[in-house]
Amino acid sequence: MPPKQILIIDDENDIQEVTRLSLQLTESWTVIGANSGAAGALLALSECPDAILLDVMMPDMDGPSTLRVLQQQKSTIPVIFLTAKVQLADREKYMQLGVRGIISKPFDPLTLGQQIREMLAWE
C-alpha cells in the first residue's frame, strides 16, 4: 500500500514544515503544502490527497471558505481543521460545516499522525 498523501493548507510556513516533518517521521506519509486557501483548493483537486489539514484563519480565503470551494467541486477528500480557536462554540460551528475533525494549534508533532488516523478511522 502506498504511503498516505496529506495536503496541509496553512499560510504559516513554520506550521507546514513542522507538519511535514512530523508526518514523514512518525507515519512515513507524503506531505504537500499550499500557502493559501485558493492555491490549496487547486492543489487538492489536482493531486487528490488522502486528507487535507486546513488552517481556519488565513488571509484572503479562510478555512471555511476553502472548505466550501472543495464541497462545491464535489470533493470527497476528508478535511481536518487546524485552529488556535478552541472555544466549544467555535468547534461545534466548524464540525457543522462537514469537517472530519479539529486539531488545536499548537499540536503535538509526536501524536499528530495518530490523531489524524483516529479522526479518519485509518488503520
PDB file of N, CA and C in Angstrom:
ATOM      1  N   MET A   1       0.849  -1.177   0.000  1.00  0.00           N
ATOM      2  CA  MET A   1       0.000   0.000   0.000  1.00  0.00           C
ATOM      3  C   MET A   1       0.896   1.242   0.000  1.00  0.00           C
ATOM      4  N   PRO A   2       0.655   2.179  -0.944  1.00  0.00           N
ATOM      5  CA  PRO A   2       1.487   3.385  -0.984  1.00  0.00           C
ATOM      6  C   PRO A   2       1.234   4.244   0.254  1.00  0.00           C
ATOM      7  N   PRO A   3       2.216   5.073   0.624  1.00  0.00           N
ATOM      8  CA  PRO A   3       2.014   5.926   1.796  1.00  0.00           C
ATOM      9  C   PRO A   3       0.898   6.938   1.543  1.00  0.00           C
ATOM     10  N   LYS A   4       0.257   7.341   2.607  1.00  0.00           N
ATOM     11  CA  LYS A   4      -0.792   8.359   2.513  1.00  0.00           C
ATOM     12  C   LYS A   4      -0.168   9.680   2.077  1.00  0.00           C
ATOM     13  N   GLN A   5      -0.950  10.460   1.352  1.00  0.00           N
ATOM     14  CA  GLN A   5      -0.532  11.806   0.984  1.00  0.00           C
ATOM     15  C   GLN A   5      -1.456  12.798   1.685  1.00  0.00           C
ATOM     16  N   ILE A   6      -0.846  13.717   2.413  1.00  0.00           N
ATOM     17  CA  ILE A   6      -1.587  14.713   3.172  1.00  0.00           C
ATOM     18  C   ILE A   6      -1.290  16.086   2.580  1.00  0.00           C
ATOM     19  N   LEU A   7      -2.325  16.878   2.379  1.00  0.00           N
ATOM     20  CA  LEU A   7      -2.171  18.265   1.943  1.00  0.00           C
ATOM     21  C   LEU A   7      -2.374  19.164   3.148  1.00  0.00           C
ATOM     22  N   ILE A   8      -1.389  19.990   3.453  1.00  0.00           N
ATOM     23  CA  ILE A   8      -1.539  20.991   4.509  1.00  0.00           C
ATOM     24  C   ILE A   8      -1.720  22.350   3.843  1.00  0.00           C
ATOM     25  N   ILE A   9      -2.808  23.009   4.178  1.00  0.00           N
ATOM     26  CA  ILE A   9      -3.074  24.351   3.667  1.00  0.00           C
ATOM     27  C   ILE A   9      -2.981  25.298   4.859  1.00  0.00           C
ATOM     28  N   ASP A  10      -1.914  26.067   4.905  1.00  0.00           N
ATOM     29  CA  ASP A  10      -1.661  26.977   6.024  1.00  0.00           C
ATOM     30  C   ASP A  10      -0.772  28.104   5.525  1.00  0.00           C
ATOM     31  N   ASP A  11      -1.106  29.324   5.901  1.00  0.00           N
ATOM     32  CA  ASP A  11      -0.319  30.470   5.453  1.00  0.00           C
ATOM     33  C   ASP A  11       0.998  30.611   6.216  1.00  0.00           C
ATOM     34  N   GLU A  12       1.194  29.826   7.261  1.00  0.00           N
ATOM     35  CA  GLU A  12       2.431  29.889   8.038  1.00  0.00           C
ATOM     36  C   GLU A  12       3.366  28.760   7.604  1.00  0.00           C
ATOM     37  N   ASN A  13       4.499  29.147   7.015  1.00  0.00           N
ATOM     38  CA  ASN A  13       5.458  28.149   6.543  1.00  0.00           C
ATOM     39  C   ASN A  13       5.989  27.265   7.665  1.00  0.00           C
ATOM     40  N   ASP A  14       6.148  27.832   8.876  1.00  0.00           N
ATOM     41  CA  ASP A  14       6.644  27.040  10.006  1.00  0.00           C
ATOM     42  C   ASP A  14       5.693  25.895  10.340  1.00  0.00           C
ATOM     43  N   ILE A  15       4.394  26.160  10.295  1.00  0.00           N
ATOM     44  CA  ILE A  15       3.404  25.115  10.576  1.00  0.00           C
ATOM     45  C   ILE A  15       3.482  24.032   9.499  1.00  0.00           C
ATOM     46  N   GLN A  16       3.608  24.448   8.257  1.00  0.00           N
ATOM     47  CA  GLN A  16       3.737  23.461   7.175  1.00  0.00           C
ATOM     48  C   GLN A  16       4.959  22.580   7.385  1.00  0.00           C
ATOM     49  N   GLU A  17       6.070  23.189   7.764  1.00  0.00           N
ATOM     50  CA  GLU A  17       7.315  22.434   7.919  1.00  0.00           C
ATOM     51  C   GLU A  17       7.235  21.462   9.100  1.00  0.00           C
ATOM     52  N   VAL A  18       6.705  21.914  10.230  1.00  0.00           N
ATOM     53  CA  VAL A  18       6.561  21.030  11.396  1.00  0.00           C
ATOM     54  C   VAL A  18       5.631  19.871  11.063  1.00  0.00           C
ATOM     55  N   THR A  19       4.547  20.166  10.366  1.00  0.00           N
ATOM     56  CA  THR A  19       3.601  19.119   9.974  1.00  0.00           C
ATOM     57  C   THR A  19       4.273  18.111   9.045  1.00  0.00           C
ATOM     58  N   ARG A  20       4.977  18.617   8.047  1.00  0.00           N
ATOM     59  CA  ARG A  20       5.657  17.736   7.088  1.00  0.00           C
ATOM     60  C   ARG A  20       6.647  16.817   7.800  1.00  0.00           C
ATOM     61  N   LEU A  21       7.497  17.401   8.619  1.00  0.00           N
ATOM     62  CA  LEU A  21       8.487  16.594   9.339  1.00  0.00           C
ATOM     63  C   LEU A  21       7.818  15.581  10.261  1.00  0.00           C
ATOM     64  N   SER A  22       6.805  16.020  10.978  1.00  0.00           N
ATOM     65  CA  SER A  22       6.097  15.146  11.910  1.00  0.00           C
ATOM     66  C   SER A  22       5.511  13.935  11.196  1.00  0.00           C
ATOM     67  N   LEU A  23       4.791  14.164  10.118  1.00  0.00           N
ATOM     68  CA  LEU A  23       4.094  13.070   9.446  1.00  0.00           C
ATOM     69  C   LEU A  23       5.042  12.195   8.625  1.00  0.00           C
ATOM     70  N   GLN A  24       6.126  12.774   8.142  1.00  0.00           N
ATOM     71  CA  GLN A  24       7.109  11.955   7.437  1.00  0.00           C
ATOM     72  C   GLN A  24       7.852  11.046   8.410  1.00  0.00           C
ATOM     73  N   LEU A  25       8.207  11.589   9.569  1.00  0.00           N
ATOM     74  CA  LEU A  25       8.991  10.812  10.531  1.00  0.00           C
ATOM     75  C   LEU A  25       8.161   9.802  11.306  1.00  0.00           C
ATOM     76  N   THR A  26       6.949  10.177  11.709  1.00  0.00           N
ATOM     77  CA  THR A  26       6.154   9.270  12.541  1.00  0.00           C
ATOM     78  C   THR A  26       5.277   8.316  11.738  1.00  0.00           C
ATOM     79  N   GLU A  27       4.904   8.702  10.512  1.00  0.00           N
ATOM     80  CA  GLU A  27       3.961   7.894   9.731  1.00  0.00           C
ATOM     81  C   GLU A  27       4.486   7.495   8.356  1.00  0.00           C
ATOM     82  N   SER A  28       5.578   8.092   7.916  1.00  0.00           N
ATOM     83  CA  SER A  28       6.121   7.886   6.561  1.00  0.00           C
ATOM     84  C   SER A  28       5.136   8.322   5.475  1.00  0.00           C
ATOM     85  N   TRP A  29       4.331   9.337   5.784  1.00  0.00           N
ATOM     86  CA  TRP A  29       3.389   9.872   4.815  1.00  0.00           C
ATOM     87  C   TRP A  29       4.069  10.950   3.986  1.00  0.00           C
ATOM     88  N   THR A  30       3.547  11.189   2.801  1.00  0.00           N
ATOM     89  CA  THR A  30       3.986  12.275   1.944  1.00  0.00           C
ATOM     90  C   THR A  30       3.144  13.499   2.274  1.00  0.00           C
ATOM     91  N   VAL A  31       3.791  14.647   2.408  1.00  0.00           N
ATOM     92  CA  VAL A  31       3.071  15.876   2.730  1.00  0.00           C
ATOM     93  C   VAL A  31       3.359  16.911   1.655  1.00  0.00           C
ATOM     94  N   ILE A  32       2.284  17.471   1.111  1.00  0.00           N
ATOM     95  CA  ILE A  32       2.403  18.582   0.173  1.00  0.00           C
ATOM     96  C   ILE A  32       1.744  19.795   0.814  1.00  0.00           C
ATOM     97  N   GLY A  33       2.127  20.993   0.397  1.00  0.00           N
ATOM     98  CA  GLY A  33       1.614  22.173   1.074  1.00  0.00           C
ATOM     99  C   GLY A  33       1.212  23.288   0.139  1.00  0.00           C
ATOM    100  N   ALA A  34       0.337  24.136   0.657  1.00  0.00           N
ATOM    101  CA  ALA A  34      -0.095  25.345  -0.032  1.00  0.00           C
ATOM    102  C   ALA A  34      -0.200  26.466   0.998  1.00  0.00           C
ATOM    103  N   ASN A  35       0.119  27.685   0.578  1.00  0.00           N
ATOM    104  CA  ASN A  35       0.138  28.836   1.487  1.00  0.00           C
ATOM    105  C   ASN A  35      -1.158  29.627   1.524  1.00  0.00           C
ATOM    106  N   SER A  36      -2.153  29.236   0.733  1.00  0.00           N
ATOM    107  CA  SER A  36      -3.420  29.969   0.716  1.00  0.00           C
ATOM    108  C   SER A  36      -4.558  28.998   0.422  1.00  0.00           C
ATOM    109  N   GLY A  37      -5.753  29.444   0.775  1.00  0.00           N
ATOM    110  CA  GLY A  37      -6.920  28.619   0.516  1.00  0.00           C
ATOM    111  C   GLY A  37      -7.138  28.371  -0.966  1.00  0.00           C
ATOM    112  N   ALA A  38      -6.959  29.415  -1.790  1.00  0.00           N
ATOM    113  CA  ALA A  38      -7.168  29.274  -3.231  1.00  0.00           C
ATOM    114  C   ALA A  38      -6.163  28.294  -3.826  1.00  0.00           C
ATOM    115  N   ALA A  39      -4.895  28.452  -3.489  1.00  0.00           N
ATOM    116  CA  ALA A  39      -3.861  27.540  -4.004  1.00  0.00           C
ATOM    117  C   ALA A  39      -4.092  26.124  -3.479  1.00  0.00           C
ATOM    118  N   GLY A  40      -4.514  26.014  -2.222  1.00  0.00           N
ATOM    119  CA  GLY A  40      -4.766  24.704  -1.633  1.00  0.00           C
ATOM    120  C   GLY A  40      -5.918  23.977  -2.291  1.00  0.00           C
ATOM    121  N   ALA A  41      -6.986  24.713  -2.616  1.00  0.00           N
ATOM    122  CA  ALA A  41      -8.137  24.091  -3.274  1.00  0.00           C
ATOM    123  C   ALA A  41      -7.737  23.558  -4.648  1.00  0.00           C
ATOM    124  N   LEU A  42      -6.960  24.340  -5.393  1.00  0.00           N
ATOM    125  CA  LEU A  42      -6.496  23.882  -6.708  1.00  0.00           C
ATOM    126  C   LEU A  42      -5.606  22.648  -6.583  1.00  0.00           C
ATOM    127  N   LEU A  43      -4.702  22.674  -5.598  1.00  0.00           N
ATOM    128  CA  LEU A  43      -3.802  21.542  -5.390  1.00  0.00           C
ATOM    129  C   LEU A  43      -4.586  20.297  -4.969  1.00  0.00           C
ATOM    130  N   ALA A  44      -5.586  20.487  -4.118  1.00  0.00           N
ATOM    131  CA  ALA A  44      -6.409  19.353  -3.675  1.00  0.00           C
ATOM    132  C   ALA A  44      -7.110  18.698  -4.854  1.00  0.00           C
ATOM    133  N   LEU A  45      -7.652  19.515  -5.738  1.00  0.00           N
ATOM    134  CA  LEU A  45      -8.399  18.969  -6.865  1.00  0.00           C
ATOM    135  C   LEU A  45      -7.485  18.319  -7.902  1.00  0.00           C
ATOM    136  N   SER A  46      -6.235  18.797  -8.015  1.00  0.00           N
ATOM    137  CA  SER A  46      -5.329  18.195  -8.989  1.00  0.00           C
ATOM    138  C   SER A  46      -4.587  16.978  -8.435  1.00  0.00           C
ATOM    139  N   GLU A  47      -4.257  16.988  -7.153  1.00  0.00           N
ATOM    140  CA  GLU A  47      -3.467  15.910  -6.548  1.00  0.00           C
ATOM    141  C   GLU A  47      -4.298  14.824  -5.872  1.00  0.00           C
ATOM    142  N   CYS A  48      -5.525  15.145  -5.476  1.00  0.00           N
ATOM    143  CA  CYS A  48      -6.409  14.205  -4.772  1.00  0.00           C
ATOM    144  C   CYS A  48      -5.701  13.517  -3.590  1.00  0.00           C
ATOM    145  N   PRO A  49      -5.255  14.299  -2.606  1.00  0.00           N
ATOM    146  CA  PRO A  49      -4.587  13.692  -1.450  1.00  0.00           C
ATOM    147  C   PRO A  49      -5.564  12.842  -0.641  1.00  0.00           C
ATOM    148  N   ASP A  50      -5.013  12.060   0.274  1.00  0.00           N
ATOM    149  CA  ASP A  50      -5.852  11.206   1.122  1.00  0.00           C
ATOM    150  C   ASP A  50      -6.580  12.001   2.194  1.00  0.00           C
ATOM    151  N   ALA A  51      -6.015  13.163   2.577  1.00  0.00           N
ATOM    152  CA  ALA A  51      -6.646  14.023   3.580  1.00  0.00           C
ATOM    153  C   ALA A  51      -6.061  15.426   3.461  1.00  0.00           C
ATOM    154  N   ILE A  52      -6.820  16.389   3.990  1.00  0.00           N
ATOM    155  CA  ILE A  52      -6.391  17.782   3.995  1.00  0.00           C
ATOM    156  C   ILE A  52      -6.395  18.297   5.424  1.00  0.00           C
ATOM    157  N   LEU A  53      -5.291  18.907   5.837  1.00  0.00           N
ATOM    158  CA  LEU A  53      -5.223  19.659   7.089  1.00  0.00           C
ATOM    159  C   LEU A  53      -5.347  21.122   6.704  1.00  0.00           C
ATOM    160  N   LEU A  54      -6.385  21.775   7.168  1.00  0.00           N
ATOM    161  CA  LEU A  54      -6.746  23.105   6.693  1.00  0.00           C
ATOM    162  C   LEU A  54      -6.795  24.103   7.844  1.00  0.00           C
ATOM    163  N   ASP A  55      -5.935  25.126   7.745  1.00  0.00           N
ATOM    164  CA  ASP A  55      -5.925  26.203   8.735  1.00  0.00           C
ATOM    165  C   ASP A  55      -7.234  26.975   8.639  1.00  0.00           C
ATOM    166  N   VAL A  56      -7.800  27.330   9.780  1.00  0.00           N
ATOM    167  CA  VAL A  56      -9.069  28.054   9.800  1.00  0.00           C
ATOM    168  C   VAL A  56      -8.862  29.527   9.472  1.00  0.00           C
ATOM    169  N   MET A  57      -7.865  30.158  10.077  1.00  0.00           N
ATOM    170  CA  MET A  57      -7.682  31.602   9.930  1.00  0.00           C
ATOM    171  C   MET A  57      -6.516  31.907   8.990  1.00  0.00           C
ATOM    172  N   MET A  58      -6.863  32.280   7.760  1.00  0.00           N
ATOM    173  CA  MET A  58      -5.869  32.680   6.763  1.00  0.00           C
ATOM    174  C   MET A  58      -6.375  33.945   6.085  1.00  0.00           C
ATOM    175  N   PRO A  59      -5.451  34.797   5.624  1.00  0.00           N
ATOM    176  CA  PRO A  59      -5.896  35.981   4.879  1.00  0.00           C
ATOM    177  C   PRO A  59      -6.482  35.568   3.531  1.00  0.00           C
ATOM    178  N   ASP A  60      -7.242  36.433   2.943  1.00  0.00           N
ATOM    179  CA  ASP A  60      -7.863  36.239   1.623  1.00  0.00           C
ATOM    180  C   ASP A  60      -8.962  35.181   1.651  1.00  0.00           C
ATOM    181  N   MET A  61      -8.612  33.907   1.760  1.00  0.00           N
ATOM    182  CA  MET A  61      -9.611  32.843   1.776  1.00  0.00           C
ATOM    183  C   MET A  61      -9.367  31.977   3.007  1.00  0.00           C
ATOM    184  N   ASP A  62     -10.263  32.066   3.984  1.00  0.00           N
ATOM    185  CA  ASP A  62     -10.066  31.309   5.229  1.00  0.00           C
ATOM    186  C   ASP A  62     -10.453  29.837   5.052  1.00  0.00           C
ATOM    187  N   GLY A  63     -10.277  29.068   6.119  1.00  0.00           N
ATOM    188  CA  GLY A  63     -10.558  27.639   6.066  1.00  0.00           C
ATOM    189  C   GLY A  63     -11.992  27.300   5.687  1.00  0.00           C
ATOM    190  N   PRO A  64     -12.994  27.911   6.360  1.00  0.00           N
ATOM    191  CA  PRO A  64     -14.373  27.595   5.988  1.00  0.00           C
ATOM    192  C   PRO A  64     -14.687  27.919   4.523  1.00  0.00           C
ATOM    193  N   SER A  65     -14.146  29.025   4.006  1.00  0.00           N
ATOM    194  CA  SER A  65     -14.369  29.379   2.594  1.00  0.00           C
ATOM    195  C   SER A  65     -13.709  28.356   1.671  1.00  0.00           C
ATOM    196  N   THR A  66     -12.507  27.926   2.028  1.00  0.00           N
ATOM    197  CA  THR A  66     -11.806  26.916   1.235  1.00  0.00           C
ATOM    198  C   THR A  66     -12.581  25.609   1.244  1.00  0.00           C
ATOM    199  N   LEU A  67     -13.103  25.232   2.407  1.00  0.00           N
ATOM    200  CA  LEU A  67     -13.906  24.018   2.512  1.00  0.00           C
ATOM    201  C   LEU A  67     -15.128  24.098   1.609  1.00  0.00           C
ATOM    202  N   ARG A  68     -15.787  25.255   1.578  1.00  0.00           N
ATOM    203  CA  ARG A  68     -16.963  25.419   0.709  1.00  0.00           C
ATOM    204  C   ARG A  68     -16.593  25.238  -0.769  1.00  0.00           C
ATOM    205  N   VAL A  69     -15.442  25.782  -1.173  1.00  0.00           N
ATOM    206  CA  VAL A  69     -14.993  25.616  -2.564  1.00  0.00           C
ATOM    207  C   VAL A  69     -14.818  24.129  -2.876  1.00  0.00           C
ATOM    208  N   LEU A  70     -14.167  23.404  -1.964  1.00  0.00           N
ATOM    209  CA  LEU A  70     -13.960  21.968  -2.175  1.00  0.00           C
ATOM    210  C   LEU A  70     -15.297  21.229  -2.248  1.00  0.00           C
ATOM    211  N   GLN A  71     -16.218  21.589  -1.369  1.00  0.00           N
ATOM    212  CA  GLN A  71     -17.527  20.940  -1.372  1.00  0.00           C
ATOM    213  C   GLN A  71     -18.287  21.240  -2.668  1.00  0.00           C
ATOM    214  N   GLN A  72     -18.179  22.468  -3.172  1.00  0.00           N
ATOM    215  CA  GLN A  72     -18.844  22.828  -4.425  1.00  0.00           C
ATOM    216  C   GLN A  72     -18.274  22.052  -5.605  1.00  0.00           C
ATOM    217  N   GLN A  73     -17.007  21.666  -5.491  1.00  0.00           N
ATOM    218  CA  GLN A  73     -16.363  20.875  -6.546  1.00  0.00           C
ATOM    219  C   GLN A  73     -16.613  19.371  -6.352  1.00  0.00           C
ATOM    220  N   LYS A  74     -17.459  19.042  -5.401  1.00  0.00           N
ATOM    221  CA  LYS A  74     -17.826  17.647  -5.109  1.00  0.00           C
ATOM    222  C   LYS A  74     -16.643  16.812  -4.616  1.00  0.00           C
ATOM    223  N   SER A  75     -15.682  17.477  -3.971  1.00  0.00           N
ATOM    224  CA  SER A  75     -14.533  16.773  -3.414  1.00  0.00           C
ATOM    225  C   SER A  75     -14.980  15.899  -2.246  1.00  0.00           C
ATOM    226  N   THR A  76     -14.462  14.686  -2.209  1.00  0.00           N
ATOM    227  CA  THR A  76     -14.766  13.782  -1.091  1.00  0.00           C
ATOM    228  C   THR A  76     -13.535  13.589  -0.196  1.00  0.00           C
ATOM    229  N   ILE A  77     -12.523  14.425  -0.392  1.00  0.00           N
ATOM    230  CA  ILE A  77     -11.311  14.332   0.419  1.00  0.00           C
ATOM    231  C   ILE A  77     -11.650  14.764   1.846  1.00  0.00           C
ATOM    232  N   PRO A  78     -11.345  13.929   2.844  1.00  0.00           N
ATOM    233  CA  PRO A  78     -11.644  14.331   4.218  1.00  0.00           C
ATOM    234  C   PRO A  78     -10.792  15.520   4.647  1.00  0.00           C
ATOM    235  N   VAL A  79     -11.443  16.467   5.330  1.00  0.00           N
ATOM    236  CA  VAL A  79     -10.785  17.690   5.781  1.00  0.00           C
ATOM    237  C   VAL A  79     -10.784  17.739   7.300  1.00  0.00           C
ATOM    238  N   ILE A  80      -9.621  18.072   7.853  1.00  0.00           N
ATOM    239  CA  ILE A  80      -9.469  18.303   9.287  1.00  0.00           C
ATOM    240  C   ILE A  80      -9.016  19.744   9.447  1.00  0.00           C
ATOM    241  N   PHE A  81      -9.730  20.505  10.265  1.00  0.00           N
ATOM    242  CA  PHE A  81      -9.330  21.884  10.526  1.00  0.00           C
ATOM    243  C   PHE A  81      -8.199  21.926  11.543  1.00  0.00           C
ATOM    244  N   LEU A  82      -7.262  22.837  11.312  1.00  0.00           N
ATOM    245  CA  LEU A  82      -6.232  23.195  12.290  1.00  0.00           C
ATOM    246  C   LEU A  82      -6.580  24.591  12.774  1.00  0.00           C
ATOM    247  N   THR A  83      -6.668  24.782  14.080  1.00  0.00           N
ATOM    248  CA  THR A  83      -7.063  26.097  14.568  1.00  0.00           C
ATOM    249  C   THR A  83      -6.564  26.373  15.976  1.00  0.00           C
ATOM    250  N   ALA A  84      -6.316  27.644  16.216  1.00  0.00           N
ATOM    251  CA  ALA A  84      -5.996  28.090  17.571  1.00  0.00           C
ATOM    252  C   ALA A  84      -7.284  28.469  18.313  1.00  0.00           C
ATOM    253  N   LYS A  85      -8.396  28.527  17.591  1.00  0.00           N
ATOM    254  CA  LYS A  85      -9.693  28.853  18.203  1.00  0.00           C
ATOM    255  C   LYS A  85     -10.278  27.563  18.781  1.00  0.00           C
ATOM    256  N   VAL A  86     -10.186  27.425  20.076  1.00  0.00           N
ATOM    257  CA  VAL A  86     -10.581  26.159  20.691  1.00  0.00           C
ATOM    258  C   VAL A  86     -11.838  26.272  21.558  1.00  0.00           C
ATOM    259  N   GLN A  87     -12.552  27.378  21.455  1.00  0.00           N
ATOM    260  CA  GLN A  87     -13.795  27.525  22.211  1.00  0.00           C
ATOM    261  C   GLN A  87     -14.813  26.492  21.725  1.00  0.00           C
ATOM    262  N   LEU A  88     -15.605  25.977  22.624  1.00  0.00           N
ATOM    263  CA  LEU A  88     -16.582  24.949  22.275  1.00  0.00           C
ATOM    264  C   LEU A  88     -17.521  25.416  21.163  1.00  0.00           C
ATOM    265  N   ALA A  89     -17.984  26.668  21.227  1.00  0.00           N
ATOM    266  CA  ALA A  89     -18.907  27.185  20.210  1.00  0.00           C
ATOM    267  C   ALA A  89     -18.243  27.182  18.832  1.00  0.00           C
ATOM    268  N   ASP A  90     -16.963  27.566  18.778  1.00  0.00           N
ATOM    269  CA  ASP A  90     -16.234  27.548  17.504  1.00  0.00           C
ATOM    270  C   ASP A  90     -16.121  26.123  16.984  1.00  0.00           C
ATOM    271  N   ARG A  91     -15.754  25.190  17.849  1.00  0.00           N
ATOM    272  CA  ARG A  91     -15.575  23.800  17.442  1.00  0.00           C
ATOM    273  C   ARG A  91     -16.887  23.217  16.910  1.00  0.00           C
ATOM    274  N   GLU A  92     -17.993  23.505  17.597  1.00  0.00           N
ATOM    275  CA  GLU A  92     -19.286  22.996  17.153  1.00  0.00           C
ATOM    276  C   GLU A  92     -19.656  23.571  15.790  1.00  0.00           C
ATOM    277  N   LYS A  93     -19.403  24.870  15.607  1.00  0.00           N
ATOM    278  CA  LYS A  93     -19.695  25.527  14.328  1.00  0.00           C
ATOM    279  C   LYS A  93     -18.865  24.900  13.207  1.00  0.00           C
ATOM    280  N   TYR A  94     -17.598  24.636  13.471  1.00  0.00           N
ATOM    281  CA  TYR A  94     -16.730  24.038  12.452  1.00  0.00           C
ATOM    282  C   TYR A  94     -17.174  22.616  12.109  1.00  0.00           C
ATOM    283  N   MET A  95     -17.538  21.840  13.100  1.00  0.00           N
ATOM    284  CA  MET A  95     -17.973  20.463  12.833  1.00  0.00           C
ATOM    285  C   MET A  95     -19.239  20.455  11.974  1.00  0.00           C
ATOM    286  N   GLN A  96     -20.115  21.443  12.162  1.00  0.00           N
ATOM    287  CA  GLN A  96     -21.349  21.512  11.369  1.00  0.00           C
ATOM    288  C   GLN A  96     -21.070  21.811   9.895  1.00  0.00           C
ATOM    289  N   LEU A  97     -19.870  22.313   9.595  1.00  0.00           N
ATOM    290  CA  LEU A  97     -19.510  22.608   8.204  1.00  0.00           C
ATOM    291  C   LEU A  97     -19.165  21.345   7.419  1.00  0.00           C
ATOM    292  N   GLY A  98     -18.928  20.253   8.139  1.00  0.00           N
ATOM    293  CA  GLY A  98     -18.650  18.998   7.457  1.00  0.00           C
ATOM    294  C   GLY A  98     -17.216  18.526   7.534  1.00  0.00           C
ATOM    295  N   VAL A  99     -16.427  19.097   8.451  1.00  0.00           N
ATOM    296  CA  VAL A  99     -15.058  18.601   8.609  1.00  0.00           C
ATOM    297  C   VAL A  99     -15.083  17.292   9.383  1.00  0.00           C
ATOM    298  N   ARG A 100     -14.014  16.514   9.234  1.00  0.00           N
ATOM    299  CA  ARG A 100     -13.938  15.214   9.909  1.00  0.00           C
ATOM    300  C   ARG A 100     -13.358  15.324  11.308  1.00  0.00           C
ATOM    301  N   GLY A 101     -12.768  16.477  11.619  1.00  0.00           N
ATOM    302  CA  GLY A 101     -12.196  16.669  12.937  1.00  0.00           C
ATOM    303  C   GLY A 101     -11.541  18.031  13.045  1.00  0.00           C
ATOM    304  N   ILE A 102     -11.102  18.327  14.269  1.00  0.00           N
ATOM    305  CA  ILE A 102     -10.436  19.594  14.549  1.00  0.00           C
ATOM    306  C   ILE A 102      -9.216  19.294  15.405  1.00  0.00           C
ATOM    307  N   ILE A 103      -8.079  19.808  14.979  1.00  0.00           N
ATOM    308  CA  ILE A 103      -6.846  19.683  15.753  1.00  0.00           C
ATOM    309  C   ILE A 103      -6.453  21.076  16.197  1.00  0.00           C
ATOM    310  N   SER A 104      -6.232  21.219  17.488  1.00  0.00           N
ATOM    311  CA  SER A 104      -5.884  22.516  18.060  1.00  0.00           C
ATOM    312  C   SER A 104      -4.418  22.840  17.845  1.00  0.00           C
ATOM    313  N   LYS A 105      -4.161  24.105  17.550  1.00  0.00           N
ATOM    314  CA  LYS A 105      -2.795  24.617  17.500  1.00  0.00           C
ATOM    315  C   LYS A 105      -2.486  25.218  18.861  1.00  0.00           C
ATOM    316  N   PRO A 106      -1.319  25.061  19.389  1.00  0.00           N
ATOM    317  CA  PRO A 106      -0.261  24.227  18.833  1.00  0.00           C
ATOM    318  C   PRO A 106      -0.568  22.749  19.064  1.00  0.00           C
ATOM    319  N   PHE A 107      -0.159  21.908  18.128  1.00  0.00           N
ATOM    320  CA  PHE A 107      -0.388  20.472  18.246  1.00  0.00           C
ATOM    321  C   PHE A 107       0.919  19.790  18.624  1.00  0.00           C
ATOM    322  N   ASP A 108       0.804  18.555  19.086  1.00  0.00           N
ATOM    323  CA  ASP A 108       1.976  17.763  19.461  1.00  0.00           C
ATOM    324  C   ASP A 108       2.456  17.014  18.220  1.00  0.00           C
ATOM    325  N   PRO A 109       3.642  17.357  17.690  1.00  0.00           N
ATOM    326  CA  PRO A 109       4.130  16.693  16.478  1.00  0.00           C
ATOM    327  C   PRO A 109       4.280  15.177  16.632  1.00  0.00           C
ATOM    328  N   LEU A 110       4.503  14.713  17.867  1.00  0.00           N
ATOM    329  CA  LEU A 110       4.696  13.274  18.076  1.00  0.00           C
ATOM    330  C   LEU A 110       3.396  12.482  17.989  1.00  0.00           C
ATOM    331  N   THR A 111       2.258  13.148  18.201  1.00  0.00           N
ATOM    332  CA  THR A 111       0.976  12.439  18.161  1.00  0.00           C
ATOM    333  C   THR A 111       0.065  12.897  17.020  1.00  0.00           C
ATOM    334  N   LEU A 112       0.543  13.807  16.174  1.00  0.00           N
ATOM    335  CA  LEU A 112      -0.288  14.336  15.093  1.00  0.00           C
ATOM    336  C   LEU A 112      -0.796  13.226  14.174  1.00  0.00           C
ATOM    337  N   GLY A 113       0.083  12.347  13.740  1.00  0.00           N
ATOM    338  CA  GLY A 113      -0.321  11.258  12.855  1.00  0.00           C
ATOM    339  C   GLY A 113      -1.377  10.371  13.482  1.00  0.00           C
ATOM    340  N   GLN A 114      -1.203  10.062  14.750  1.00  0.00           N
ATOM    341  CA  GLN A 114      -2.184   9.234  15.455  1.00  0.00           C
ATOM    342  C   GLN A 114      -3.534   9.940  15.533  1.00  0.00           C
ATOM    343  N   GLN A 115      -3.528  11.245  15.798  1.00  0.00           N
ATOM    344  CA  GLN A 115      -4.786  11.996  15.838  1.00  0.00           C
ATOM    345  C   GLN A 115      -5.501  11.912  14.494  1.00  0.00           C
ATOM    346  N   ILE A 116      -4.740  12.082  13.418  1.00  0.00           N
ATOM    347  CA  ILE A 116      -5.335  12.020  12.079  1.00  0.00           C
ATOM    348  C   ILE A 116      -5.892  10.629  11.822  1.00  0.00           C
ATOM    349  N   ARG A 117      -5.126   9.602  12.154  1.00  0.00           N
ATOM    350  CA  ARG A 117      -5.594   8.207  11.969  1.00  0.00           C
ATOM    351  C   ARG A 117      -6.918   7.972  12.694  1.00  0.00           C
ATOM    352  N   GLU A 118      -6.999   8.430  13.945  1.00  0.00           N
ATOM    353  CA  GLU A 118      -8.222   8.229  14.729  1.00  0.00           C
ATOM    354  C   GLU A 118      -9.401   8.972  14.136  1.00  0.00           C
ATOM    355  N   MET A 119      -9.189  10.222  13.714  1.00  0.00           N
ATOM    356  CA  MET A 119     -10.287  11.024  13.152  1.00  0.00           C
ATOM    357  C   MET A 119     -10.810  10.437  11.849  1.00  0.00           C
ATOM    358  N   LEU A 120      -9.914   9.827  11.074  1.00  0.00           N
ATOM    359  CA  LEU A 120     -10.307   9.305   9.771  1.00  0.00           C
ATOM    360  C   LEU A 120     -10.512   7.797   9.776  1.00  0.00           C
ATOM    361  N   ALA A 121     -10.370   7.185  10.946  1.00  0.00           N
ATOM    362  CA  ALA A 121     -10.535   5.736  11.106  1.00  0.00           C
ATOM    363  C   ALA A 121      -9.626   4.959  10.167  1.00  0.00           C
ATOM    364  N   TRP A 122      -8.377   5.423  10.069  1.00  0.00           N
ATOM    365  CA  TRP A 122      -7.367   4.720   9.285  1.00  0.00           C
ATOM    366  C   TRP A 122      -6.685   3.707  10.177  1.00  0.00           C
ATOM    367  N   GLU A 123      -6.377   2.548   9.631  1.00  0.00           N
ATOM    368  CA  GLU A 123      -5.659   1.515  10.383  1.00  0.00           C
ATOM    369  C   GLU A 123      -4.213   1.896  10.529  1.00  0.00           C
TER     370      GLU A 123
END
